[in-house]
Amino acid sequence: MATSITPLGRRVLVKRSTSEEKTAGGIFLPDTAKEKPQEAEVIATGTGKDDEGNDVAKLFTVKKGDKVLISKYGGTEVKIDGEDLLIINETDILGILG
């Protein structure tokens, strides 16, 4: 996927994993009843500059391709090239999945 956006500062562009279509009991869930998945893949990292223009890129703890666990309500949803993506602050990443 070729992204046409680079997040600014300490922000990270992620793509949420797909959520389950049905429950363990076999009941199919409509989109409105599905809980947003907290697992995501890092698509791009930000420019690494803080508010004063200092270079903090070396402080990023995630890189492109990492599978991460993100906070449930953080970030801003965007649609890029027909895909639903999320721009979040790096602090909204709870952990890297092994």
N, C-alpha and C. Protein backbone atom coordinates (compact mmCIF):
# COMPACT_ATOMS: atom_id res chain seq x y z
N MET A 1 0.84 -1.17 0.00
CA MET A 1 0.00 0.00 0.00
C MET A 1 0.89 1.24 0.00
N ALA A 2 0.68 2.11 -0.89
CA ALA A 2 1.44 3.36 -0.94
C ALA A 2 0.62 4.45 -0.26
N THR A 3 1.10 4.87 0.91
CA THR A 3 0.36 5.92 1.61
C THR A 3 0.74 7.27 1.05
N SER A 4 -0.25 8.12 0.94
CA SER A 4 -0.03 9.46 0.42
C SER A 4 -0.05 10.48 1.55
N ILE A 5 0.24 10.04 2.77
CA ILE A 5 0.23 10.94 3.92
C ILE A 5 1.35 10.55 4.87
N THR A 6 1.99 11.56 5.43
CA THR A 6 2.99 11.35 6.47
C THR A 6 2.49 12.08 7.71
N PRO A 7 2.27 11.36 8.81
CA PRO A 7 1.82 12.02 10.03
C PRO A 7 2.87 13.02 10.51
N LEU A 8 2.45 14.04 11.20
CA LEU A 8 3.36 15.04 11.73
C LEU A 8 3.69 14.75 13.18
N GLY A 9 4.85 15.19 13.61
CA GLY A 9 5.26 15.07 15.00
C GLY A 9 5.35 13.64 15.47
N ARG A 10 4.81 13.39 16.65
CA ARG A 10 4.88 12.06 17.27
C ARG A 10 3.63 11.25 16.97
N ARG A 11 3.01 11.48 15.81
CA ARG A 11 1.80 10.74 15.44
C ARG A 11 2.17 9.53 14.60
N VAL A 12 1.26 8.56 14.61
CA VAL A 12 1.46 7.30 13.91
C VAL A 12 0.20 6.98 13.13
N LEU A 13 0.36 6.54 11.88
CA LEU A 13 -0.76 6.12 11.04
C LEU A 13 -0.89 4.61 11.17
N VAL A 14 -2.07 4.13 11.58
CA VAL A 14 -2.29 2.69 11.77
C VAL A 14 -3.55 2.24 11.04
N LYS A 15 -3.60 0.95 10.77
CA LYS A 15 -4.78 0.33 10.18
C LYS A 15 -5.29 -0.70 11.17
N ARG A 16 -6.54 -0.52 11.60
CA ARG A 16 -7.13 -1.47 12.56
C ARG A 16 -7.27 -2.85 11.93
N SER A 17 -7.12 -3.88 12.75
CA SER A 17 -7.38 -5.24 12.30
C SER A 17 -8.88 -5.39 12.08
N THR A 18 -9.27 -6.35 11.27
CA THR A 18 -10.69 -6.56 11.03
C THR A 18 -11.33 -7.20 12.25
N SER A 19 -12.55 -6.80 12.56
CA SER A 19 -13.25 -7.35 13.71
C SER A 19 -14.01 -8.61 13.31
N GLU A 20 -14.38 -9.36 14.30
CA GLU A 20 -15.09 -10.61 14.07
C GLU A 20 -16.48 -10.34 13.51
N GLU A 21 -16.90 -11.15 12.55
CA GLU A 21 -18.22 -11.01 11.94
C GLU A 21 -19.31 -11.70 12.77
N LYS A 22 -18.91 -12.71 13.56
CA LYS A 22 -19.91 -13.40 14.37
C LYS A 22 -19.32 -13.77 15.73
N THR A 23 -20.19 -14.03 16.67
CA THR A 23 -19.78 -14.37 18.03
C THR A 23 -19.35 -15.83 18.09
N ALA A 24 -18.83 -16.23 19.23
CA ALA A 24 -18.42 -17.62 19.42
C ALA A 24 -19.62 -18.56 19.32
N GLY A 25 -20.80 -18.06 19.63
CA GLY A 25 -22.02 -18.86 19.56
C GLY A 25 -22.61 -18.93 18.16
N GLY A 26 -22.00 -18.22 17.19
CA GLY A 26 -22.46 -18.28 15.81
C GLY A 26 -23.43 -17.19 15.40
N ILE A 27 -23.63 -16.19 16.26
CA ILE A 27 -24.54 -15.10 15.94
C ILE A 27 -23.79 -14.04 15.13
N PHE A 28 -24.32 -13.66 13.96
CA PHE A 28 -23.69 -12.63 13.15
C PHE A 28 -24.00 -11.26 13.70
N LEU A 29 -22.97 -10.41 13.75
CA LEU A 29 -23.12 -9.07 14.32
C LEU A 29 -23.21 -8.01 13.22
N PRO A 30 -24.17 -7.08 13.33
CA PRO A 30 -24.20 -5.96 12.37
C PRO A 30 -23.07 -4.99 12.70
N ASP A 31 -22.70 -4.15 11.75
CA ASP A 31 -21.60 -3.20 11.95
C ASP A 31 -21.81 -2.31 13.16
N THR A 32 -23.05 -1.94 13.44
CA THR A 32 -23.31 -1.04 14.56
C THR A 32 -23.08 -1.71 15.91
N ALA A 33 -23.13 -3.03 15.97
CA ALA A 33 -22.96 -3.74 17.23
C ALA A 33 -21.52 -4.19 17.46
N LYS A 34 -20.68 -4.07 16.45
CA LYS A 34 -19.30 -4.52 16.58
C LYS A 34 -18.49 -3.54 17.40
N GLU A 35 -17.62 -4.09 18.23
CA GLU A 35 -16.69 -3.26 18.98
C GLU A 35 -15.46 -3.03 18.11
N LYS A 36 -14.92 -1.82 18.13
CA LYS A 36 -13.75 -1.53 17.31
C LYS A 36 -12.56 -2.30 17.85
N PRO A 37 -11.84 -2.99 16.96
CA PRO A 37 -10.68 -3.76 17.43
C PRO A 37 -9.57 -2.84 17.94
N GLN A 38 -8.84 -3.31 18.94
CA GLN A 38 -7.75 -2.54 19.50
C GLN A 38 -6.41 -2.94 18.87
N GLU A 39 -6.41 -3.99 18.07
CA GLU A 39 -5.18 -4.40 17.40
C GLU A 39 -5.08 -3.65 16.08
N ALA A 40 -3.86 -3.22 15.74
CA ALA A 40 -3.64 -2.47 14.51
C ALA A 40 -2.23 -2.71 14.00
N GLU A 41 -2.02 -2.33 12.73
CA GLU A 41 -0.69 -2.42 12.12
C GLU A 41 -0.21 -1.00 11.82
N VAL A 42 1.05 -0.73 12.14
CA VAL A 42 1.63 0.58 11.88
C VAL A 42 1.89 0.70 10.38
N ILE A 43 1.31 1.74 9.76
CA ILE A 43 1.48 1.99 8.33
C ILE A 43 2.59 3.02 8.10
N ALA A 44 2.65 4.06 8.95
CA ALA A 44 3.68 5.09 8.82
C ALA A 44 3.87 5.78 10.17
N THR A 45 5.08 6.27 10.40
CA THR A 45 5.34 7.05 11.61
C THR A 45 5.52 8.51 11.22
N GLY A 46 5.41 9.37 12.21
CA GLY A 46 5.46 10.81 11.97
C GLY A 46 6.84 11.34 11.62
N THR A 47 6.91 12.66 11.54
CA THR A 47 8.16 13.33 11.18
C THR A 47 9.17 13.33 12.31
N GLY A 48 8.70 13.11 13.52
CA GLY A 48 9.60 13.03 14.66
C GLY A 48 10.05 14.37 15.21
N LYS A 49 9.33 15.41 14.92
CA LYS A 49 9.67 16.74 15.46
C LYS A 49 8.69 17.08 16.58
N ASP A 50 9.21 17.68 17.64
CA ASP A 50 8.30 18.13 18.70
C ASP A 50 7.86 19.56 18.42
N ASP A 51 7.12 20.16 19.33
CA ASP A 51 6.56 21.49 19.12
C ASP A 51 7.63 22.57 18.94
N GLU A 52 8.82 22.36 19.50
CA GLU A 52 9.90 23.34 19.38
C GLU A 52 10.78 23.07 18.17
N GLY A 53 10.48 22.03 17.38
CA GLY A 53 11.27 21.71 16.21
C GLY A 53 12.45 20.80 16.48
N ASN A 54 12.57 20.31 17.72
CA ASN A 54 13.67 19.41 18.05
C ASN A 54 13.43 18.04 17.44
N ASP A 55 14.49 17.40 16.98
CA ASP A 55 14.39 16.09 16.35
C ASP A 55 14.25 15.02 17.43
N VAL A 56 13.11 14.34 17.44
CA VAL A 56 12.88 13.28 18.43
C VAL A 56 12.58 11.95 17.73
N ALA A 57 12.93 11.83 16.44
CA ALA A 57 12.61 10.63 15.67
C ALA A 57 13.23 9.39 16.28
N LYS A 58 14.41 9.52 16.88
CA LYS A 58 15.06 8.35 17.46
C LYS A 58 14.32 7.81 18.68
N LEU A 59 13.34 8.59 19.16
CA LEU A 59 12.58 8.16 20.32
C LEU A 59 11.35 7.32 19.98
N PHE A 60 11.03 7.17 18.67
CA PHE A 60 9.89 6.33 18.30
C PHE A 60 10.17 4.89 18.72
N THR A 61 9.18 4.28 19.36
CA THR A 61 9.35 2.89 19.79
C THR A 61 8.70 1.91 18.84
N VAL A 62 7.98 2.41 17.84
CA VAL A 62 7.35 1.54 16.84
C VAL A 62 7.90 1.87 15.46
N LYS A 63 7.77 0.92 14.56
CA LYS A 63 8.19 1.14 13.18
C LYS A 63 7.14 0.55 12.24
N LYS A 64 7.24 0.90 10.98
CA LYS A 64 6.29 0.42 9.98
C LYS A 64 6.24 -1.11 10.00
N GLY A 65 5.02 -1.64 10.00
CA GLY A 65 4.82 -3.08 9.99
C GLY A 65 4.59 -3.70 11.35
N ASP A 66 4.86 -2.97 12.44
CA ASP A 66 4.64 -3.49 13.79
C ASP A 66 3.15 -3.70 14.03
N LYS A 67 2.82 -4.78 14.73
CA LYS A 67 1.46 -5.02 15.20
C LYS A 67 1.38 -4.45 16.60
N VAL A 68 0.41 -3.57 16.83
CA VAL A 68 0.33 -2.87 18.10
C VAL A 68 -1.07 -2.97 18.70
N LEU A 69 -1.13 -2.68 19.98
CA LEU A 69 -2.38 -2.59 20.72
C LEU A 69 -2.61 -1.12 21.01
N ILE A 70 -3.75 -0.58 20.56
CA ILE A 70 -4.01 0.85 20.70
C ILE A 70 -5.16 1.10 21.67
N SER A 71 -5.21 2.33 22.20
CA SER A 71 -6.30 2.67 23.11
C SER A 71 -7.62 2.69 22.34
N LYS A 72 -8.68 2.39 23.03
CA LYS A 72 -9.97 2.19 22.40
C LYS A 72 -10.54 3.44 21.75
N TYR A 73 -10.38 4.59 22.38
CA TYR A 73 -11.04 5.80 21.89
C TYR A 73 -10.09 6.88 21.42
N GLY A 74 -8.83 6.57 21.24
CA GLY A 74 -7.85 7.58 20.82
C GLY A 74 -7.81 7.74 19.31
N GLY A 75 -7.23 8.83 18.86
CA GLY A 75 -6.96 9.02 17.45
C GLY A 75 -8.07 9.66 16.65
N THR A 76 -7.75 9.87 15.37
CA THR A 76 -8.67 10.46 14.41
C THR A 76 -8.81 9.54 13.22
N GLU A 77 -10.03 9.17 12.89
CA GLU A 77 -10.27 8.27 11.76
C GLU A 77 -10.17 9.06 10.46
N VAL A 78 -9.45 8.50 9.47
CA VAL A 78 -9.31 9.11 8.15
C VAL A 78 -9.51 8.04 7.09
N LYS A 79 -9.91 8.45 5.91
CA LYS A 79 -10.05 7.53 4.78
C LYS A 79 -9.03 7.94 3.73
N ILE A 80 -8.08 7.05 3.42
CA ILE A 80 -7.02 7.33 2.46
C ILE A 80 -6.99 6.20 1.45
N ASP A 81 -7.07 6.55 0.18
CA ASP A 81 -7.07 5.56 -0.90
C ASP A 81 -8.14 4.49 -0.68
N GLY A 82 -9.30 4.89 -0.15
CA GLY A 82 -10.41 3.98 0.06
C GLY A 82 -10.29 3.09 1.29
N GLU A 83 -9.25 3.28 2.09
CA GLU A 83 -9.07 2.47 3.29
C GLU A 83 -9.32 3.31 4.53
N ASP A 84 -9.96 2.71 5.53
CA ASP A 84 -10.18 3.37 6.80
C ASP A 84 -8.94 3.22 7.66
N LEU A 85 -8.30 4.35 7.98
CA LEU A 85 -7.08 4.36 8.78
C LEU A 85 -7.30 5.24 10.00
N LEU A 86 -6.32 5.25 10.88
CA LEU A 86 -6.42 6.00 12.12
C LEU A 86 -5.08 6.70 12.36
N ILE A 87 -5.12 7.99 12.67
CA ILE A 87 -3.92 8.72 13.07
C ILE A 87 -3.99 8.90 14.58
N ILE A 88 -2.98 8.37 15.28
CA ILE A 88 -2.96 8.44 16.74
C ILE A 88 -1.63 9.00 17.21
N ASN A 89 -1.62 9.52 18.41
CA ASN A 89 -0.37 9.90 19.05
C ASN A 89 0.35 8.63 19.47
N GLU A 90 1.67 8.67 19.46
CA GLU A 90 2.41 7.48 19.86
C GLU A 90 2.06 7.07 21.29
N THR A 91 1.67 8.02 22.11
CA THR A 91 1.32 7.71 23.49
C THR A 91 0.01 6.92 23.59
N ASP A 92 -0.79 6.88 22.50
CA ASP A 92 -2.02 6.08 22.49
C ASP A 92 -1.75 4.62 22.14
N ILE A 93 -0.50 4.29 21.88
CA ILE A 93 -0.13 2.89 21.62
C ILE A 93 0.21 2.27 22.96
N LEU A 94 -0.53 1.21 23.31
CA LEU A 94 -0.38 0.58 24.61
C LEU A 94 0.72 -0.46 24.64
N GLY A 95 1.02 -1.07 23.50
CA GLY A 95 2.08 -2.07 23.46
C GLY A 95 2.26 -2.62 22.06
N ILE A 96 3.38 -3.30 21.88
CA ILE A 96 3.70 -3.96 20.61
C ILE A 96 3.41 -5.45 20.78
N LEU A 97 2.64 -6.00 19.86
CA LEU A 97 2.27 -7.41 19.93
C LEU A 97 3.40 -8.26 19.34
N GLY A 98 3.75 -9.32 20.05
CA GLY A 98 4.88 -10.16 19.68
C GLY A 98 4.64 -11.00 18.53
